[in-house]
Protein backbone atom coordinates (compact mmCIF):
# COMPACT_ATOMS: atom_id res chain seq x y z
CA MET A 1 -3.12 39.63 17.88
CA GLN A 2 -5.35 39.33 20.93
CA THR A 3 -5.80 42.05 23.52
CA ASN A 4 -7.55 41.77 26.87
CA THR A 5 -9.39 44.72 28.39
CA LYS A 6 -11.61 45.08 31.43
CA SER A 7 -14.64 47.30 31.84
CA THR A 8 -15.36 49.27 34.99
CA ASN A 9 -17.31 46.36 36.48
CA THR A 10 -14.30 44.01 35.95
CA LEU A 11 -15.98 42.13 33.07
CA ALA A 12 -13.16 40.46 31.12
CA ILE A 13 -13.35 41.14 27.39
CA ARG A 14 -11.18 39.51 24.73
CA ARG A 15 -10.81 41.18 21.36
CA GLY A 16 -9.21 40.08 18.12
CA LYS A 17 -8.96 36.82 16.26
CA ILE A 18 -8.29 33.60 18.14
CA THR A 19 -5.86 31.29 16.39
CA ARG A 20 -6.66 27.64 16.98
CA PRO A 21 -6.34 24.29 15.20
CA GLN A 22 -8.83 23.74 12.41
CA LYS A 23 -11.48 21.11 11.72
CA VAL A 24 -11.44 20.54 7.97
CA VAL A 25 -13.33 18.32 5.53
CA ILE A 26 -12.05 17.78 1.99
CA TYR A 27 -14.27 15.65 -0.23
CA GLY A 28 -14.42 14.86 -3.92
CA PRO A 29 -14.44 12.08 -6.51
CA GLU A 30 -12.09 9.14 -6.20
CA GLY A 31 -8.60 9.80 -7.56
CA VAL A 32 -8.80 13.59 -7.55
CA GLY A 33 -5.81 13.81 -5.19
CA LYS A 34 -7.33 14.43 -1.76
CA SER A 35 -4.79 12.26 0.08
CA THR A 36 -1.86 13.81 -1.75
CA LEU A 37 -3.08 17.30 -0.85
CA ALA A 38 -3.64 16.32 2.79
CA GLY A 39 -0.12 14.90 2.87
CA GLN A 40 1.14 18.48 2.49
CA THR A 41 -0.58 19.78 5.61
CA PRO A 42 1.64 20.63 8.61
CA GLU A 43 3.38 17.46 9.92
CA PRO A 44 0.53 15.07 9.05
CA VAL A 45 -0.13 11.58 10.35
CA PHE A 46 -2.75 9.47 8.56
CA LEU A 47 -5.44 7.26 10.01
CA ASP A 48 -5.95 5.15 6.90
CA THR A 49 -9.28 3.38 7.32
CA GLU A 50 -9.44 2.01 3.76
CA GLY A 51 -5.80 1.34 2.82
CA GLY A 52 -5.72 4.06 0.20
CA THR A 53 -2.41 5.74 1.08
CA HIS A 54 -0.01 2.93 0.14
CA HIS A 55 1.35 5.06 -2.73
CA LEU A 56 2.22 8.00 -0.47
CA ASP A 57 5.33 8.52 1.62
CA VAL A 58 3.47 9.56 4.77
CA ALA A 59 3.32 8.65 8.46
CA ARG A 60 0.43 6.36 9.36
CA LEU A 61 -1.19 5.05 12.51
CA ASP A 62 -1.06 1.25 12.31
CA ALA A 63 -3.96 -1.09 13.04
CA ALA A 64 -6.93 0.94 11.80
CA THR A 65 -9.11 -1.81 10.41
CA THR A 66 -11.62 -2.07 13.26
CA TRP A 67 -13.42 0.53 15.34
CA GLU A 68 -11.62 -0.65 18.46
CA GLU A 69 -8.22 -0.26 16.80
CA ILE A 70 -9.16 3.18 15.46
CA THR A 71 -10.23 4.56 18.83
CA ALA A 72 -7.24 3.00 20.59
CA ALA A 73 -4.81 4.51 18.06
CA LEU A 74 -6.34 7.97 18.46
CA ALA A 75 -6.27 7.70 22.25
CA GLN A 76 -2.57 6.89 22.01
CA LEU A 77 -2.00 9.83 19.64
CA ALA A 78 -3.71 12.14 22.11
CA LYS A 79 -1.37 11.12 24.96
CA ALA A 80 1.99 10.30 23.39
CA ASP A 81 4.80 12.73 22.67
CA HIS A 82 5.15 13.18 18.91
CA PRO A 83 5.90 15.85 16.28
CA PHE A 84 2.60 15.60 14.39
CA LYS A 85 0.49 18.71 13.87
CA THR A 86 -2.29 17.34 11.66
CA LEU A 87 -4.40 14.19 11.92
CA VAL A 88 -5.75 13.10 8.53
CA ILE A 89 -8.66 10.62 8.65
CA ASP A 90 -8.81 8.93 5.26
CA THR A 91 -11.74 8.49 4.73
CA ALA A 92 -14.84 9.59 6.67
CA ASP A 93 -17.13 7.24 4.75
CA TRP A 94 -14.98 4.22 5.58
CA LEU A 95 -14.80 5.40 9.18
CA GLU A 96 -18.60 5.31 9.29
CA LYS A 97 -18.49 1.83 7.75
CA ARG A 98 -16.08 0.61 10.46
CA LEU A 99 -18.42 1.99 13.13
CA ALA A 100 -21.43 0.24 11.59
CA GLU A 101 -19.47 -3.03 11.52
CA HIS A 102 -18.57 -2.54 15.18
CA LEU A 103 -22.17 -1.94 16.26
CA CYS A 104 -23.43 -4.94 14.27
CA ARG A 105 -20.71 -7.19 15.69
CA LYS A 106 -21.55 -6.14 19.26
CA SER A 107 -25.24 -6.90 18.77
CA ASN A 108 -24.80 -9.94 16.52
CA LYS A 109 -26.50 -8.25 13.57
CA ASP A 110 -25.72 -8.65 9.88
CA SER A 111 -26.68 -5.09 8.97
CA ILE A 112 -27.38 -1.76 10.64
CA GLU A 113 -30.90 -2.11 9.27
CA ASP A 114 -31.42 -5.30 11.27
CA PHE A 115 -31.84 -3.36 14.51
CA GLY A 116 -35.34 -2.41 13.36
CA TYR A 117 -37.32 0.84 13.41
CA GLY A 118 -34.24 2.93 12.65
CA LYS A 119 -32.65 2.05 16.01
CA GLY A 120 -29.37 1.07 14.36
CA TRP A 121 -29.02 4.46 12.71
CA VAL A 122 -29.77 6.20 16.01
CA LEU A 123 -27.01 4.19 17.73
CA LEU A 124 -24.59 4.91 14.90
CA THR A 125 -25.34 8.66 14.93
CA GLU A 126 -24.90 8.89 18.70
CA GLU A 127 -21.60 6.99 18.63
CA PHE A 128 -20.26 9.05 15.71
CA ALA A 129 -21.15 12.25 17.59
CA ARG A 130 -19.19 10.97 20.60
CA PHE A 131 -16.27 10.23 18.29
CA LEU A 132 -16.29 13.81 16.98
CA ASN A 133 -16.35 15.12 20.56
CA SER A 134 -13.40 12.89 21.45
CA LEU A 135 -11.29 14.72 18.87
CA ASP A 136 -11.34 17.78 21.13
CA THR A 137 -8.40 16.28 23.01
CA LEU A 138 -6.28 16.43 19.87
CA LEU A 139 -7.52 19.90 19.00
CA GLY A 140 -6.62 20.98 22.52
CA ARG A 141 -3.05 19.88 21.86
CA GLY A 142 -2.90 22.18 18.83
CA ILE A 143 -3.42 19.43 16.24
CA HIS A 144 -5.51 20.08 13.14
CA VAL A 145 -8.04 17.39 12.24
CA VAL A 146 -8.73 16.76 8.54
CA PHE A 147 -11.43 14.40 7.29
CA LEU A 148 -11.13 13.19 3.70
CA ALA A 149 -14.26 11.81 2.09
CA HIS A 150 -15.62 10.62 -1.22
CA ALA A 151 -18.35 12.52 -3.02
CA THR A 152 -21.65 11.23 -4.26
CA VAL A 153 -24.28 12.79 -6.51
CA LYS A 154 -27.74 13.03 -4.98
CA LYS A 155 -30.99 14.43 -6.27
CA PHE A 156 -32.05 17.47 -4.29
CA GLU A 157 -35.50 18.95 -4.09
CA ALA A 158 -35.68 22.50 -2.71
CA PRO A 159 -38.93 23.08 -0.79
CA ASP A 160 -39.38 26.53 -2.35
CA GLN A 161 -38.77 25.44 -5.95
CA ALA A 162 -40.51 23.23 -8.45
CA GLY A 163 -38.52 20.28 -9.71
CA SER A 164 -35.25 18.79 -8.53
CA TYR A 165 -31.57 18.88 -9.48
CA ASP A 166 -28.37 16.90 -8.89
CA ARG A 167 -25.73 18.05 -6.43
CA PHE A 168 -22.47 16.73 -4.99
CA GLU A 169 -22.59 15.76 -1.32
CA LEU A 170 -20.51 13.86 1.22
CA LYS A 171 -20.73 10.11 0.71
CA LEU A 172 -22.07 9.58 4.19
CA SER A 173 -25.41 8.47 5.56
CA LYS A 174 -28.10 11.12 5.88
CA GLN A 175 -27.71 10.83 9.65
CA VAL A 176 -23.92 11.33 9.87
CA ALA A 177 -23.32 13.83 7.04
CA PRO A 178 -25.00 16.77 8.87
CA LEU A 179 -22.94 16.03 12.00
CA VAL A 180 -19.67 16.21 10.07
CA LYS A 181 -20.64 19.38 8.18
CA GLU A 182 -21.71 21.14 11.36
CA TRP A 183 -18.56 20.02 13.21
CA ALA A 184 -16.20 21.35 10.52
CA ASP A 185 -14.79 24.87 10.30
CA VAL A 186 -14.00 24.32 6.62
CA VAL A 187 -15.67 22.07 4.03
CA LEU A 188 -13.91 21.99 0.66
CA PHE A 189 -15.19 20.29 -2.47
CA ALA A 190 -12.36 19.05 -4.72
CA ASN A 191 -13.15 18.39 -8.36
CA TYR A 192 -11.93 18.57 -11.93
CA VAL A 193 -12.86 21.57 -14.05
CA THR A 194 -14.71 20.54 -17.19
CA LYS A 195 -15.27 23.11 -19.90
CA VAL A 196 -18.13 22.80 -22.34
CA ALA A 197 -17.78 23.45 -26.07
CA GLU A 198 -20.31 23.37 -28.91
CA LYS A 199 -19.79 20.84 -31.70
CA ASP A 200 -20.51 21.54 -35.36
CA ASN A 201 -23.86 19.81 -35.07
CA GLY A 202 -24.92 22.15 -32.27
CA LYS A 203 -24.53 19.57 -29.49
CA MET A 204 -22.43 20.33 -26.43
CA ARG A 205 -19.45 18.27 -25.29
CA GLY A 206 -17.13 18.35 -22.32
CA ILE A 207 -13.47 19.09 -22.94
CA GLY A 208 -10.45 19.29 -20.67
CA GLY A 209 -11.16 17.90 -17.24
CA LYS A 210 -7.56 17.69 -16.03
CA GLU A 211 -7.43 20.92 -14.05
CA ARG A 212 -8.27 20.42 -10.37
CA VAL A 213 -9.73 23.07 -8.08
CA LEU A 214 -11.13 23.46 -4.58
CA PHE A 215 -14.53 25.02 -4.04
CA ALA A 216 -14.94 26.78 -0.69
CA THR A 217 -18.41 28.34 -0.88
CA HIS A 218 -21.77 26.57 -0.83
CA THR A 219 -23.75 26.53 -4.07
CA ALA A 220 -26.71 24.58 -5.41
CA ALA A 221 -24.26 22.20 -7.09
CA TYR A 222 -22.21 21.16 -4.03
CA ASP A 223 -21.75 21.54 -0.27
CA ALA A 224 -18.91 23.79 0.92
CA LYS A 225 -18.22 26.36 3.61
CA ASN A 226 -15.37 28.23 5.26
CA ARG A 227 -14.82 30.75 8.03
CA HIS A 228 -11.66 32.28 6.60
CA GLY A 229 -12.96 34.46 3.78
CA LEU A 230 -11.52 32.12 1.15
CA ALA A 231 -12.30 32.73 -2.50
CA ASP A 232 -15.15 30.71 -3.99
CA LYS A 233 -12.69 28.71 -6.13
CA LEU A 234 -9.11 27.93 -5.11
CA ALA A 235 -6.10 26.39 -6.79
CA PHE A 236 -5.62 22.74 -5.88
CA SER A 237 -2.59 23.57 -3.74
CA ILE A 238 -1.69 23.64 -0.07
CA ASP A 239 -0.51 27.22 -0.60
CA ALA A 240 -4.10 28.22 -1.31
CA LEU A 241 -5.03 26.94 2.16
CA ALA A 242 -2.48 29.02 4.06
CA PRO A 243 -5.25 30.97 5.86
CA VAL A 244 -6.55 27.63 7.18
CA PHE A 245 -3.33 25.83 8.16
CA GLY A 246 -1.44 28.72 9.70
CA ASP A 247 0.53 28.44 12.91
CA ALA A 248 -2.21 26.80 14.99
CA LYS A 249 -1.86 27.33 18.72
CA SER A 250 -4.40 27.13 21.49
CA SER A 251 -5.78 30.49 22.55
CA ALA A 252 -4.91 29.74 26.17
CA PRO A 253 -2.34 27.48 27.83
CA ILE A 254 -3.66 24.01 28.48
CA ALA A 255 -2.63 22.34 31.69
CA LYS A 256 -1.15 18.93 31.06
CA ALA A 257 -2.44 16.09 33.17
CA PRO A 258 0.18 13.83 34.71
CA THR A 259 1.15 11.21 32.19
CA GLU A 260 0.36 7.67 33.32
CA SER A 261 3.08 5.26 32.27
CA LEU A 262 2.31 2.39 29.92
CA THR A 263 3.37 -0.06 32.64
CA ASP A 264 0.79 1.44 35.01
CA ARG A 265 -1.95 1.22 32.39
CA VAL A 266 -1.10 -2.41 31.52
CA PHE A 267 -1.15 -3.42 35.17
CA ALA A 268 -4.42 -1.57 35.76
CA ALA A 269 -6.00 -3.35 32.79
CA PHE A 270 -4.75 -6.88 33.45
CA GLN A 271 -3.64 -7.41 37.05
CA HIS A 272 -7.10 -8.55 38.20
CA LYS A 273 -7.66 -10.67 35.09
CA ALA A 274 -4.36 -12.45 34.55
CA ASP A 275 -1.09 -13.39 36.27
CA MET A 276 1.21 -10.48 35.32
CA ALA A 277 4.19 -12.86 35.27
CA HIS A 278 2.40 -14.80 32.53
CA VAL A 279 1.64 -11.53 30.70
CA VAL A 280 5.34 -10.62 30.73
CA ASP A 281 6.36 -14.11 29.61
CA PHE A 282 3.84 -13.92 26.80
CA LEU A 283 5.21 -10.53 25.65
CA VAL A 284 8.72 -11.96 25.68
CA ALA A 285 7.57 -14.99 23.65
CA ARG A 286 6.01 -12.63 21.13
CA GLY A 287 9.29 -10.73 20.80
CA GLN A 288 7.84 -7.58 22.35
CA LEU A 289 10.28 -7.59 25.31
CA SER A 290 13.81 -8.90 25.75
CA TYR A 291 14.36 -11.46 28.52
CA THR A 292 17.20 -13.24 30.35
CA GLN A 293 17.30 -15.67 33.28
CA GLU A 294 17.35 -12.67 35.61
CA GLY A 295 14.12 -11.30 34.17
CA PRO A 296 12.95 -8.80 31.53
CA LEU A 297 15.63 -6.45 30.26
CA GLU A 298 13.06 -3.95 29.08
CA SER A 299 10.23 -2.11 30.78
CA ILE A 300 6.68 -2.58 29.55
CA ASP A 301 6.93 1.14 28.75
CA ASN A 302 9.12 0.08 25.81
CA LEU A 303 6.35 -1.87 24.11
CA GLU A 304 5.69 -0.84 20.54
CA PRO A 305 2.84 1.77 20.79
CA THR A 306 0.47 0.18 18.27
CA TYR A 307 0.89 -3.27 19.87
CA ALA A 308 0.18 -1.78 23.30
CA ALA A 309 -2.89 0.01 21.92
CA ARG A 310 -4.27 -3.27 20.59
CA MET A 311 -3.69 -4.92 24.00
CA LEU A 312 -5.49 -2.19 25.87
CA SER A 313 -8.35 -1.82 23.39
CA ASP A 314 -9.70 -5.28 24.24
CA PRO A 315 -8.32 -6.56 27.60
CA ASP A 316 -10.59 -9.62 27.72
CA ARG A 317 -9.44 -10.81 24.32
CA PHE A 318 -5.79 -10.29 25.22
CA VAL A 319 -6.14 -12.13 28.52
CA SER A 320 -7.85 -15.02 26.75
CA THR A 321 -4.94 -15.21 24.30
CA VAL A 322 -2.43 -15.19 27.18
CA ASN A 323 -4.32 -17.92 29.04
CA GLU A 324 -4.46 -20.11 25.92
CA TRP A 325 -0.72 -19.65 25.46
CA VAL A 326 -0.06 -20.52 29.11
CA ALA A 327 -2.25 -23.66 28.94
CA ALA A 328 -0.51 -24.85 25.77
CA ASN A 329 2.95 -24.34 27.25
CA GLN A 330 2.03 -25.96 30.55
CA LYS A 331 1.13 -29.12 28.66
CA GLU A 332 4.57 -29.01 27.08
CA GLY A 333 6.18 -28.28 30.46
CA THR A 334 7.72 -25.00 29.32
CA VAL A 335 5.81 -22.76 31.78
């Protein structure tokens, strides 16, 4: 519970814990059950960047195969009315891959390394940082953000110790991984527990390996952190994360900006680039709007959200498609 007090010089002081939505990272080996666990968070919706949730009965944001589609879908999620309380990005490493593809495509490069002198990695890091900042809009609406990620084993050399050792880390580039870890309130490492037993010949062997746990405290063997006083090792259960995914509400009321209608946004994006009558005819031809001789029966506001997001994410491409359709139909005398 929060209490506000004022000192004699009218300095406003706020005491107590502030309940707010959480920024969480859950990483681990492939197949450990990260997506299934995230599917039990409060009212989740998945941004599936790698197509790995087909086996789960969960809500998904469509069209998440390019960076433009990803950012457009999240912008729509930030504005639209919906019941979702948790955004699950599955996975962070594929999200970074989509960003790298986007940057290379924009600059006509085959690889992020082709920019030369590390410039590509600088661009990628800056853009990923902007993406993390853009998630503040969702957090401001009281929505948790959960990144899922794969784990990789890297050799680590401590500067104050002789020799090196292996440790589990996020499967992200050395430029992006620190950004994600610093951004997160909670970093959990998910893994199987393997017990070691001695054989008759004195050699050791691993046994078991079916029990799954969550590690919440940093050690030499893996990255982890939390700000909730969680135990070092937790049961692989959403119940164990109750201190993290409690009733998340903003600490102060957030004024809502006037909502701009989809029709207004479509006209703003296309009215100076295309004949809006042709745009409407094109949407009707694509089955996105109903139409009679008197005109459209439906408002552009009724467009399917993911289709509208794709339109608005790349106006030039959409206009080009409309113009090609118009030219083809004019030859046939149907426009």
